[in-house]
Protein backbone atom coordinates (compact mmCIF):
# COMPACT_ATOMS: atom_id res chain seq x y z
CA MET A 1 11.09 -15.68 -6.64
CA TRP A 2 9.08 -16.10 -3.43
CA SER A 3 6.67 -13.42 -4.63
CA SER A 4 5.85 -15.40 -7.79
CA PHE A 5 2.39 -16.94 -7.60
CA TRP A 6 3.57 -20.22 -9.10
CA PHE A 7 6.71 -20.72 -7.02
CA VAL A 8 5.08 -22.42 -4.00
CA PRO A 9 2.79 -24.68 -6.13
CA ALA A 10 5.79 -25.65 -8.26
CA VAL A 11 7.74 -26.64 -5.14
CA PHE A 12 4.82 -28.78 -3.97
CA VAL A 13 4.52 -30.53 -7.34
CA LEU A 14 8.25 -31.25 -7.55
CA THR A 15 8.16 -32.54 -3.98
CA SER A 16 5.29 -34.88 -4.87
CA ILE A 17 7.28 -36.25 -7.80
CA GLY A 18 10.25 -36.90 -5.51
CA LEU A 19 7.98 -38.49 -2.90
CA PHE A 20 6.50 -40.78 -5.52
CA GLY A 21 9.98 -41.85 -6.55
CA ILE A 22 10.65 -42.94 -2.95
CA THR A 23 7.33 -44.74 -2.39
CA HIS A 24 7.45 -46.46 -5.76
CA ARG A 25 10.93 -47.74 -4.97
CA LEU A 26 9.60 -49.17 -1.70
CA ASP A 27 6.73 -50.79 -3.59
CA VAL A 28 9.09 -52.47 -6.02
CA LEU A 29 11.56 -53.70 -3.40
CA LEU A 30 9.18 -54.66 -0.60
CA SER A 31 5.85 -55.42 -2.27
CA ALA A 32 5.93 -59.07 -1.17
CA ASP A 33 6.61 -58.15 2.45
CA LEU A 34 4.08 -55.30 2.74
CA SER A 35 0.82 -57.07 1.92
CA ASN A 36 -0.09 -57.66 5.58
CA VAL A 37 1.29 -54.44 7.10
CA PRO A 38 -1.44 -52.51 8.98
CA LEU A 39 -2.52 -49.11 7.60
CA LEU A 40 -1.23 -49.95 4.13
CA PHE A 41 -3.55 -50.51 1.20
CA SER A 42 -4.72 -54.12 1.05
CA GLY A 43 -6.87 -54.26 -2.10
CA GLY A 44 -6.15 -55.55 -5.56
CA PRO A 45 -5.27 -53.72 -8.79
CA SER A 46 -8.88 -52.76 -9.53
CA ALA A 47 -9.41 -51.27 -6.07
CA ALA A 48 -6.10 -49.41 -6.20
CA SER A 49 -6.98 -48.03 -9.63
CA ASP A 50 -10.39 -46.87 -8.39
CA VAL A 51 -8.93 -45.19 -5.30
CA LEU A 52 -6.16 -43.38 -7.17
CA SER A 53 -8.55 -42.31 -9.95
CA ALA A 54 -10.98 -40.91 -7.37
CA ILE A 55 -8.22 -39.01 -5.58
CA ALA A 56 -6.82 -37.55 -8.80
CA GLY A 57 -10.22 -36.57 -10.20
CA SER A 58 -11.61 -35.12 -6.99
CA SER A 59 -8.46 -33.11 -6.17
CA ILE A 60 -8.33 -31.32 -9.53
CA THR A 61 -12.12 -30.78 -9.49
CA VAL A 62 -12.12 -29.32 -6.00
CA VAL A 63 -9.19 -27.00 -6.64
CA GLY A 64 -10.69 -25.81 -9.93
CA THR A 65 -14.11 -25.11 -8.46
CA ALA A 66 -12.80 -23.59 -5.22
CA PHE A 67 -10.38 -21.21 -6.89
CA SER A 68 -12.92 -20.18 -9.54
CA LEU A 69 -15.36 -19.18 -6.82
CA THR A 70 -12.52 -17.49 -4.92
CA ILE A 71 -11.62 -15.35 -7.94
CA VAL A 72 -15.27 -14.28 -8.25
CA THR A 73 -15.36 -13.46 -4.53
CA PHE A 74 -12.16 -11.44 -4.74
CA THR A 75 -13.43 -9.57 -7.78
CA LEU A 76 -16.62 -8.56 -5.96
CA ALA A 77 -14.63 -7.55 -2.88
CA SER A 78 -12.22 -5.47 -4.95
CA GLY A 79 -15.17 -3.58 -6.40
CA GLN A 80 -16.30 -2.70 -2.89
CA TYR A 81 -12.87 -1.65 -1.59
CA THR A 82 -10.18 -1.10 -4.23
CA PRO A 83 -9.01 -3.05 -7.31
CA ARG A 84 -5.45 -2.89 -5.95
CA MET A 85 -6.41 -5.43 -3.28
CA LEU A 86 -6.28 -8.25 -5.87
CA LYS A 87 -2.51 -7.97 -5.85
CA HIS A 88 -2.41 -8.45 -2.07
CA LEU A 89 -4.75 -11.42 -2.26
CA SER A 90 -2.86 -13.17 -5.05
CA ALA A 91 0.35 -12.82 -3.02
CA ASP A 92 -1.17 -14.57 0.01
CA ARG A 93 0.97 -17.55 0.96
CA GLY A 94 -1.94 -19.55 2.38
CA LEU A 95 -3.73 -19.60 -0.98
CA ARG A 96 -0.58 -20.71 -2.75
CA VAL A 97 0.02 -23.50 -0.23
CA VAL A 98 -3.51 -24.88 -0.71
CA LEU A 99 -3.20 -24.69 -4.49
CA GLY A 100 0.19 -26.40 -4.34
CA ALA A 101 -1.10 -29.18 -2.06
CA TYR A 102 -4.01 -30.03 -4.35
CA LEU A 103 -1.91 -29.93 -7.51
CA ALA A 104 0.73 -32.09 -5.81
CA THR A 105 -1.96 -34.60 -4.81
CA PHE A 106 -3.25 -34.72 -8.38
CA VAL A 107 0.21 -35.28 -9.84
CA TYR A 108 1.11 -37.89 -7.21
CA ALA A 109 -2.11 -39.85 -7.77
CA LEU A 110 -1.58 -39.82 -11.54
CA LEU A 111 1.99 -41.09 -11.20
CA ALA A 112 0.88 -43.85 -8.83
CA LEU A 113 -2.04 -44.78 -11.10
CA ARG A 114 0.19 -45.43 -14.09
CA THR A 115 2.14 -48.07 -12.12
CA VAL A 116 -0.92 -50.23 -11.42
CA ARG A 117 -0.86 -53.43 -13.52
CA PHE A 118 -3.66 -55.96 -13.84
CA SER A 119 -3.20 -59.70 -14.18
CA GLY A 120 -2.41 -60.72 -17.72
CA SER A 121 -0.49 -57.56 -18.51
CA SER A 122 3.19 -57.66 -19.40
CA GLY A 123 5.24 -57.80 -16.24
CA GLY A 124 2.42 -59.37 -14.25
CA GLU A 125 0.06 -57.94 -11.66
CA PHE A 126 1.39 -55.05 -9.56
CA VAL A 127 -0.31 -53.05 -6.79
CA PRO A 128 1.56 -49.99 -5.42
CA LEU A 129 0.61 -50.56 -1.79
CA VAL A 130 2.78 -47.83 -0.27
CA SER A 131 2.00 -45.28 -2.97
CA THR A 132 -1.73 -45.86 -2.69
CA ALA A 133 -1.64 -45.58 1.09
CA VAL A 134 0.36 -42.34 0.89
CA ALA A 135 -2.08 -40.96 -1.71
CA PHE A 136 -4.96 -41.78 0.63
CA PHE A 137 -3.20 -40.00 3.52
CA ILE A 138 -2.47 -36.93 1.36
CA ALA A 139 -6.14 -36.84 0.32
CA LEU A 140 -7.13 -36.65 4.00
CA VAL A 141 -4.71 -33.76 4.44
CA CYS A 142 -6.35 -32.01 1.48
CA VAL A 143 -9.74 -32.35 3.19
CA ALA A 144 -8.33 -30.47 6.18
CA LEU A 145 -6.78 -27.90 3.86
CA LEU A 146 -10.17 -27.34 2.19
CA ILE A 147 -11.66 -26.41 5.57
CA TYR A 148 -8.72 -24.09 6.21
CA PHE A 149 -9.09 -22.62 2.72
CA ILE A 150 -12.73 -21.65 3.25
CA TYR A 151 -11.97 -20.06 6.62
CA HIS A 152 -8.89 -18.30 5.25
CA VAL A 153 -10.72 -16.77 2.27
CA ILE A 154 -13.47 -15.47 4.54
CA ASN A 155 -10.83 -13.76 6.68
CA LEU A 156 -8.93 -12.40 3.67
CA ILE A 157 -11.85 -10.37 2.38
CA GLN A 158 -12.63 -8.86 5.78
CA PRO A 159 -11.97 -5.09 5.78
CA SER A 160 -9.66 -5.41 8.78
CA ALA A 161 -7.44 -7.93 6.96
CA ILE A 162 -7.24 -5.74 3.85
CA PHE A 163 -6.40 -2.66 5.91
CA HIS A 164 -3.81 -4.55 7.93
CA GLN A 165 -2.01 -5.71 4.79
CA ILE A 166 -1.88 -2.22 3.26
CA TYR A 167 -0.96 -0.64 6.60
CA ALA A 168 1.82 -3.16 7.30
CA GLU A 169 3.40 -2.57 3.88
CA THR A 170 3.11 1.20 4.28
CA MET A 171 4.73 1.10 7.71
CA ASN A 172 7.49 -1.09 6.31
CA ALA A 173 8.13 1.54 3.62
CA LEU A 174 8.19 4.25 6.30
CA SER A 175 10.74 2.28 8.31
CA ARG A 176 13.21 2.73 5.43
CA LEU A 177 13.25 6.50 6.02
CA PRO A 178 15.97 7.89 8.31
CA ASP A 179 15.02 8.66 11.89
CA SER A 180 14.82 12.30 12.89
CA GLY A 181 14.42 12.02 16.66
CA THR A 182 11.34 13.98 17.61
CA ASN A 183 11.56 17.12 15.48
CA GLY A 184 10.43 15.63 12.13
CA GLY A 185 12.68 17.70 9.91
CA GLU A 186 11.02 19.13 6.83
CA SER A 187 13.31 21.89 5.63
CA ASP A 188 15.33 19.42 3.57
CA SER A 189 12.23 18.62 1.50
CA SER A 190 11.66 22.10 0.12
CA ARG A 191 11.71 22.86 -3.59
CA PHE A 192 14.77 24.30 -5.33
CA ASP A 193 15.11 27.95 -4.38
CA PRO A 194 16.95 29.85 -7.14
CA THR A 195 17.43 32.91 -4.92
CA LYS A 196 19.65 30.90 -2.58
CA ASN A 197 21.89 29.67 -5.39
CA PRO A 198 21.77 32.08 -8.36
CA GLU A 199 24.78 30.39 -9.95
CA LEU A 200 22.99 27.05 -10.30
CA ASN A 201 19.84 28.84 -11.42
CA LEU A 202 21.83 30.53 -14.21
CA LEU A 203 23.21 27.11 -15.13
CA ARG A 204 19.67 25.73 -15.45
CA SER A 205 18.86 28.38 -18.05
CA GLU A 206 21.27 26.65 -20.44
CA ALA A 207 20.38 23.61 -22.55
CA PRO A 208 21.20 20.41 -20.64
CA ASP A 209 22.29 16.97 -21.74
CA ILE A 210 19.14 14.84 -21.84
CA LEU A 211 18.58 11.13 -21.36
CA LYS A 212 15.17 9.77 -22.41
CA ALA A 213 13.27 6.75 -21.15
CA GLY A 214 13.67 3.68 -23.30
CA GLN A 215 10.44 2.11 -22.02
CA SER A 216 7.15 2.97 -20.37
CA GLY A 217 6.12 1.97 -16.88
CA TYR A 218 5.92 2.93 -13.23
CA ILE A 219 9.17 3.64 -11.43
CA GLN A 220 9.44 1.03 -8.68
CA HIS A 221 12.96 1.84 -7.52
CA LEU A 222 15.36 4.72 -8.10
CA GLU A 223 19.05 4.31 -7.33
CA ILE A 224 20.43 7.86 -7.48
CA GLU A 225 24.08 6.89 -6.97
CA VAL A 226 23.99 4.48 -9.91
CA ILE A 227 22.41 7.14 -12.14
CA LEU A 228 24.97 9.79 -11.17
CA LYS A 229 27.92 7.50 -11.87
CA ALA A 230 26.44 6.74 -15.29
CA VAL A 231 25.76 10.30 -16.47
CA CYS A 232 28.25 12.50 -14.64
CA SER A 233 31.51 13.53 -16.30
CA ALA A 234 34.51 13.67 -13.99
CA GLY A 235 35.15 17.20 -12.76
CA ARG A 236 32.53 18.70 -15.08
CA THR A 237 28.98 17.87 -14.01
CA ARG A 238 27.53 20.16 -11.36
CA LEU A 239 23.76 19.80 -11.55
CA VAL A 240 21.48 16.81 -12.26
CA GLU A 241 17.69 16.89 -12.36
CA LEU A 242 15.46 13.82 -12.07
CA PRO A 243 11.91 14.86 -13.09
CA TYR A 244 10.34 11.53 -12.10
CA VAL A 245 10.39 9.73 -8.74
CA VAL A 246 9.27 6.37 -7.39
CA GLY A 247 5.57 5.85 -8.10
CA ASP A 248 5.44 8.07 -11.19
CA PHE A 249 4.38 6.69 -14.56
CA VAL A 250 7.01 7.37 -17.21
CA PRO A 251 5.95 7.29 -20.90
CA GLU A 252 8.55 6.05 -23.34
CA GLY A 253 10.63 8.83 -24.87
CA VAL A 254 10.25 11.45 -22.12
CA GLU A 255 13.23 13.03 -20.37
CA ILE A 256 14.20 11.18 -17.20
CA VAL A 257 17.63 12.73 -16.59
CA ARG A 258 18.89 16.28 -17.25
CA VAL A 259 22.53 17.17 -16.70
CA TRP A 260 24.25 20.58 -16.54
CA PRO A 261 26.51 21.81 -18.00
CA ALA A 262 26.00 20.02 -21.29
CA CYS A 263 28.93 18.29 -22.94
CA LYS A 264 29.54 18.70 -26.68
CA THR A 265 29.94 14.97 -27.12
CA GLY A 266 26.85 14.11 -25.07
CA PHE A 267 26.77 11.15 -22.68
CA ASN A 268 29.44 8.50 -22.60
CA ASP A 269 28.88 5.23 -24.43
CA GLY A 270 26.77 2.86 -22.40
CA ALA A 271 25.33 5.58 -20.15
CA GLU A 272 21.77 4.75 -21.11
CA GLU A 273 22.28 1.07 -20.30
CA LYS A 274 23.80 1.94 -16.93
CA VAL A 275 20.91 4.28 -16.10
CA ARG A 276 18.47 1.43 -16.71
CA LYS A 277 20.12 -0.41 -13.81
CA GLY A 278 19.38 2.55 -11.55
CA VAL A 279 15.77 3.07 -12.69
CA ILE A 280 13.63 -0.03 -12.20
CA PHE A 281 10.35 0.03 -14.15
CA GLY A 282 7.28 -2.13 -13.61
CA LYS A 283 3.76 -2.43 -14.95
CA GLU A 284 2.25 -1.31 -11.63
CA ARG A 285 3.15 0.61 -8.49
CA THR A 286 4.52 -1.13 -5.41
CA ILE A 287 4.48 0.01 -1.78
CA GLU A 288 7.99 -1.18 -0.89
CA ARG A 289 9.53 2.25 -1.58
CA ASP A 290 6.40 4.20 -2.51
CA ILE A 291 4.72 5.52 0.63
CA THR A 292 2.22 7.57 -1.36
CA PHE A 293 0.86 4.38 -2.94
CA GLY A 294 -0.07 2.99 0.45
CA LEU A 295 -1.82 6.23 1.41
CA ARG A 296 -3.45 6.30 -2.02
CA GLN A 297 -5.01 2.87 -1.47
CA LEU A 298 -6.32 3.85 1.96
CA ALA A 299 -7.76 7.05 0.48
CA ASP A 300 -9.42 5.04 -2.31
CA ILE A 301 -11.11 2.78 0.26
CA SER A 302 -12.32 5.84 2.19
CA LEU A 303 -13.77 7.33 -0.99
CA LYS A 304 -15.55 4.06 -1.77
CA GLY A 305 -17.05 3.96 1.71
CA LEU A 306 -18.19 7.58 1.50
CA SER A 307 -19.76 7.26 -1.96
CA PRO A 308 -23.59 7.34 -2.08
CA SER A 309 -23.70 3.92 -3.78
CA THR A 310 -21.74 2.23 -0.97
CA ASN A 311 -22.62 4.42 2.04
CA ASP A 312 -20.25 2.66 4.44
CA PRO A 313 -18.70 5.30 6.72
CA THR A 314 -17.41 2.64 9.13
CA THR A 315 -15.11 1.19 6.49
CA ALA A 316 -14.02 4.71 5.54
CA MET A 317 -13.11 5.47 9.14
CA GLN A 318 -11.21 2.19 9.48
CA ALA A 319 -9.09 3.26 6.52
CA LEU A 320 -8.64 6.67 8.16
CA ASP A 321 -7.40 4.95 11.33
CA ARG A 322 -4.50 3.44 9.36
CA THR A 323 -3.82 6.74 7.61
CA GLU A 324 -3.54 8.40 11.01
CA GLY A 325 -1.04 5.74 12.09
CA ALA A 326 1.14 6.39 9.04
CA LEU A 327 1.13 10.18 9.60
CA ILE A 328 2.06 9.69 13.26
CA LYS A 329 4.92 7.39 12.22
CA LEU A 330 6.16 10.14 9.92
CA GLY A 331 6.61 12.33 13.00
CA VAL A 332 9.92 10.62 13.77
CA LYS A 333 11.10 10.30 10.18
CA ASP A 334 12.89 12.64 7.79
CA LEU A 335 11.62 12.81 4.23
CA PRO A 336 14.09 12.70 1.33
CA GLY A 337 14.96 16.19 0.16
CA ARG A 338 14.07 17.75 -3.16
CA THR A 339 17.49 19.38 -3.30
CA GLN A 340 20.28 16.95 -2.45
CA ILE A 341 24.07 17.01 -2.51
CA HIS A 342 25.87 13.85 -3.64
CA LYS A 343 29.57 13.13 -4.00
CA VAL A 344 30.73 11.40 -7.19
CA ASN A 345 34.46 10.91 -7.69
CA ASP A 346 35.19 13.48 -4.96
CA ALA A 347 33.05 16.08 -6.77
CA GLU A 348 29.87 17.55 -5.25
CA ILE A 349 26.81 17.20 -7.48
CA THR A 350 23.54 19.00 -6.76
CA VAL A 351 20.56 16.77 -7.49
CA LEU A 352 17.06 18.16 -7.99
CA ILE A 353 14.34 15.53 -7.54
CA ASP A 354 10.63 16.10 -7.02
CA ASN A 355 10.20 13.90 -3.94
CA PRO A 356 6.81 14.10 -2.18
CA THR A 357 6.62 16.38 0.85
CA PHE A 358 4.55 16.12 4.01
CA GLU A 359 2.12 18.57 2.39
CA ASP A 360 1.60 16.04 -0.41
CA PHE A 361 0.93 13.27 2.11
CA THR A 362 -1.66 15.31 4.01
CA GLU A 363 -3.36 16.38 0.79
CA LEU A 364 -3.59 12.76 -0.33
CA SER A 365 -4.83 11.61 3.08
CA PHE A 366 -7.58 14.16 3.70
CA ASP A 367 -8.60 16.39 0.81
CA GLN A 368 -10.56 14.06 -1.49
CA SER A 369 -12.24 12.19 1.36
CA ARG A 370 -13.19 15.51 3.02
CA ARG A 371 -14.97 16.67 -0.15
CA ALA A 372 -16.72 13.31 -0.45
CA ALA A 373 -17.81 13.43 3.19
CA PHE A 374 -19.30 16.91 2.75
CA SER A 375 -21.12 15.87 -0.42
CA THR A 376 -22.77 12.91 1.35
CA GLY A 377 -23.22 14.58 4.74
CA GLN A 378 -20.99 12.13 6.64
CA VAL A 379 -20.45 14.29 9.72
CA ILE A 380 -19.11 11.39 11.75
CA TYR A 381 -16.27 10.90 9.27
CA LEU A 382 -15.41 14.59 9.38
CA LYS A 383 -15.26 14.45 13.19
CA ARG A 384 -12.95 11.45 13.01
CA SER A 385 -10.72 13.20 10.46
CA LEU A 386 -10.31 16.17 12.81
CA GLU A 387 -9.29 13.76 15.59
CA ALA A 388 -6.71 12.22 13.26
CA ILE A 389 -5.39 15.67 12.33
CA GLU A 390 -5.01 16.66 15.98
CA ARG A 391 -3.11 13.48 16.87
CA ALA A 392 -0.89 13.83 13.81
CA MET A 393 -0.09 17.41 14.84
CA ASP A 394 0.87 16.13 18.29
CA ALA A 395 3.32 13.66 16.70
CA ASN A 396 4.79 16.01 14.08
CA HIS A 397 6.64 18.88 15.73
CA ALA A 398 8.01 20.62 12.63
CA PRO A 399 6.11 23.89 11.99
CA GLN A 400 5.70 23.16 8.25
CA ARG A 401 4.09 19.83 9.00
CA ARG A 402 1.73 21.24 11.59
CA LEU A 403 0.79 24.01 9.19
CA ALA A 404 -0.02 21.45 6.48
CA LEU A 405 -2.25 19.55 8.91
CA TRP A 406 -3.92 22.70 10.24
CA ARG A 407 -4.90 23.68 6.69
CA ARG A 408 -6.97 20.47 6.52
CA ALA A 409 -8.67 21.24 9.84
CA PHE A 410 -9.37 24.80 8.71
CA SER A 411 -10.90 23.49 5.46
CA VAL A 412 -13.41 21.49 7.52
CA ALA A 413 -14.34 24.52 9.62
CA TYR A 414 -14.48 26.82 6.59
CA ASN A 415 -16.74 24.57 4.50
CA ALA A 416 -19.00 23.23 7.25
CA PRO A 417 -21.43 26.22 7.44
CA SER A 418 -22.09 26.20 3.69
CA GLN A 419 -21.91 22.46 3.00
CA LEU A 420 -23.98 21.01 5.85
CA PRO A 421 -27.74 21.59 6.06
CA ASP A 422 -27.79 21.23 9.86
CA ARG A 423 -26.16 24.28 11.44
CA ARG A 424 -25.57 22.40 14.69
CA ASP A 425 -23.46 19.82 12.87
CA ALA A 426 -21.52 22.65 11.29
CA LEU A 427 -21.06 24.25 14.70
CA THR A 428 -19.77 21.00 16.19
CA LEU A 429 -17.12 20.65 13.49
CA THR A 430 -16.17 24.32 13.78
CA LEU A 431 -15.73 24.11 17.55
CA GLN A 432 -13.62 20.96 17.17
CA SER A 433 -11.39 22.75 14.64
CA LEU A 434 -11.10 25.77 16.93
CA ARG A 435 -10.00 23.53 19.79
CA ILE A 436 -7.13 22.36 17.56
CA ALA A 437 -6.30 25.99 16.75
CA ARG A 438 -6.14 26.97 20.41
CA LYS A 439 -3.95 23.98 21.22
CA PHE A 440 -1.28 24.75 18.63
CA ARG A 441 -1.69 28.51 18.17
CA ASP A 442 1.38 29.42 20.21
CA SER A 443 3.67 26.56 19.13
CA ASP A 444 5.34 28.50 16.29
CA PRO A 445 5.21 32.12 15.02
CA GLU A 446 4.49 31.16 11.40
CA LEU A 447 1.79 28.73 12.43
CA SER A 448 0.38 31.31 14.84
CA ARG A 449 0.05 33.93 12.08
CA SER A 450 -1.69 31.47 9.79
CA ILE A 451 -4.10 30.36 12.51
CA GLU A 452 -4.93 33.95 13.50
CA ASN A 453 -5.80 34.84 9.90
CA ASP A 454 -7.88 31.69 9.53
CA LEU A 455 -9.76 32.39 12.75
CA LYS A 456 -10.83 35.76 11.38
CA GLU A 457 -12.32 34.04 8.36
CA ILE A 458 -14.14 31.54 10.55
CA LEU A 459 -15.59 34.36 12.66
CA ALA A 460 -16.75 36.15 9.53
CA LEU A 461 -18.59 33.01 8.39
CA TRP A 462 -20.57 32.86 11.65
CA GLY A 463 -21.24 36.59 11.92
CA ASN A 464 -24.86 37.56 12.57
CA SER A 465 -25.80 33.93 13.16
CA THR A 466 -27.49 32.23 16.08
CA PHE A 467 -24.24 30.62 17.19
CA GLU A 468 -21.93 33.62 16.70
CA ASP A 469 -21.35 34.04 20.44
CA ARG A 470 -20.32 30.40 20.89
CA VAL A 471 -17.85 30.64 18.05
CA ARG A 472 -16.35 33.86 19.43
CA GLU A 473 -15.99 32.27 22.87
CA ALA A 474 -14.30 29.24 21.31
CA VAL A 475 -11.88 31.47 19.42
CA SER A 476 -10.96 33.40 22.54
CA GLY A 477 -10.56 30.18 24.49
CA LEU A 478 -13.19 31.10 27.09
CA PRO A 479 -15.59 28.39 28.27
CA HIS A 480 -19.09 28.83 26.95
CA PRO A 481 -22.24 28.06 28.93
CA PRO A 482 -24.36 25.07 27.91
CA ALA A 483 -27.17 27.30 26.65
CA SER A 484 -27.33 28.10 22.96
CA GLY A 485 -26.47 31.49 21.52
CA LEU A 486 -30.16 32.24 20.95
CA SER A 487 -31.07 31.71 24.62
CA GLN A 488 -28.08 33.84 25.67
CA ARG A 489 -29.31 36.75 23.60
CA ALA A 490 -32.78 36.33 24.97
CA ALA A 491 -31.47 36.41 28.53
CA SER A 492 -29.38 39.51 27.89
CA SER A 493 -32.26 41.34 26.34
């Protein structure tokens, strides 16, 4: 309810109606005694009518004009950053408070205006002194709110404010993951390995019971326990597969649950309705339980900043700063497994679900933006991405995670010689990548083997080049002299 755009304005309007009921009652009971009270309205019916009409007309005009211009401003800003930012802006409480205050002022002034009676009318002359004074005071408050509104909108469309909102929601989603101490477990997120459980693999070769989606939309929340209780037969079900996870778009009619072994009678009555309670669909993705959506938005902003039409590497690097923070936070979190064991009615059920792995997160965070940076020659962004990779490797101690991050650093070193016209820029990126390799080369045997093979490829790329000696020295970990490779060869000859 609080997330609804109209909830706060509706509360303001209802409050203004209640406030008018109180002030009008005071006007009726005490009108004869209030005519000489300081700070209250002291004019006649015509003046009161003019004041209330001006307040009502100006308040609705200001709010209409201000919010129309705001929508245009937000639309232009979303084109520069990401269209998904409109959702964050429309959910801003400050905007809803200002809208509610102006609408409440308009409604209050209209209600007070209808109580004004001129001489000669039925019931005699009546001036709502208290109501008019309160309307005047509320109008002054709206003037202050207009100043706040302008300042607030300017701040909302600042890149830092947009990044902070996305980053805060992403970190909140990460906080829902279980803590893992400092080892960042990843083995529980591996895909189903049929060699480790040939019995279940043989079971999967049979035709399963299938439950199809009754509607289309993005999965916003997935309650596995609710789904299992709905589809599992007591003492019979052994394996359940969920092909879609939070953040996936599900077309109507596709399979969303597969159950083995199949039952001749199919699912129990009402199973489909119960599954709907465990799979919450929506028309768009949300970050609350969808970490990849937060990283996706940050990656989109980076791509916009790196595009030739925008050419804003600073904004791209600010988005990368937040991506780095999320990957470091993942260092002390365990990711949900792709093969899980759940207990339903004292029976163990194996659940296969295609949850994203750390490899998926690193691919989303670096791969597209790396290609865009190479295509536009944004060397400074590539340097910053290597710094982010190194810090993320420091925070994530699991070998699989470090290997996923190293692959991104290696991709920079591997593509730099062929993608960048300036060989010195390529050398700088290569040496930075090699520094990361030396730092983590001995942290794990599997990672060490991968790095050693990658270093051979990097050396082959720089063979017979001016800077071959510097690359070889960097690979071996020996300090190189400040002179270039060309001057070294000249000196030796």
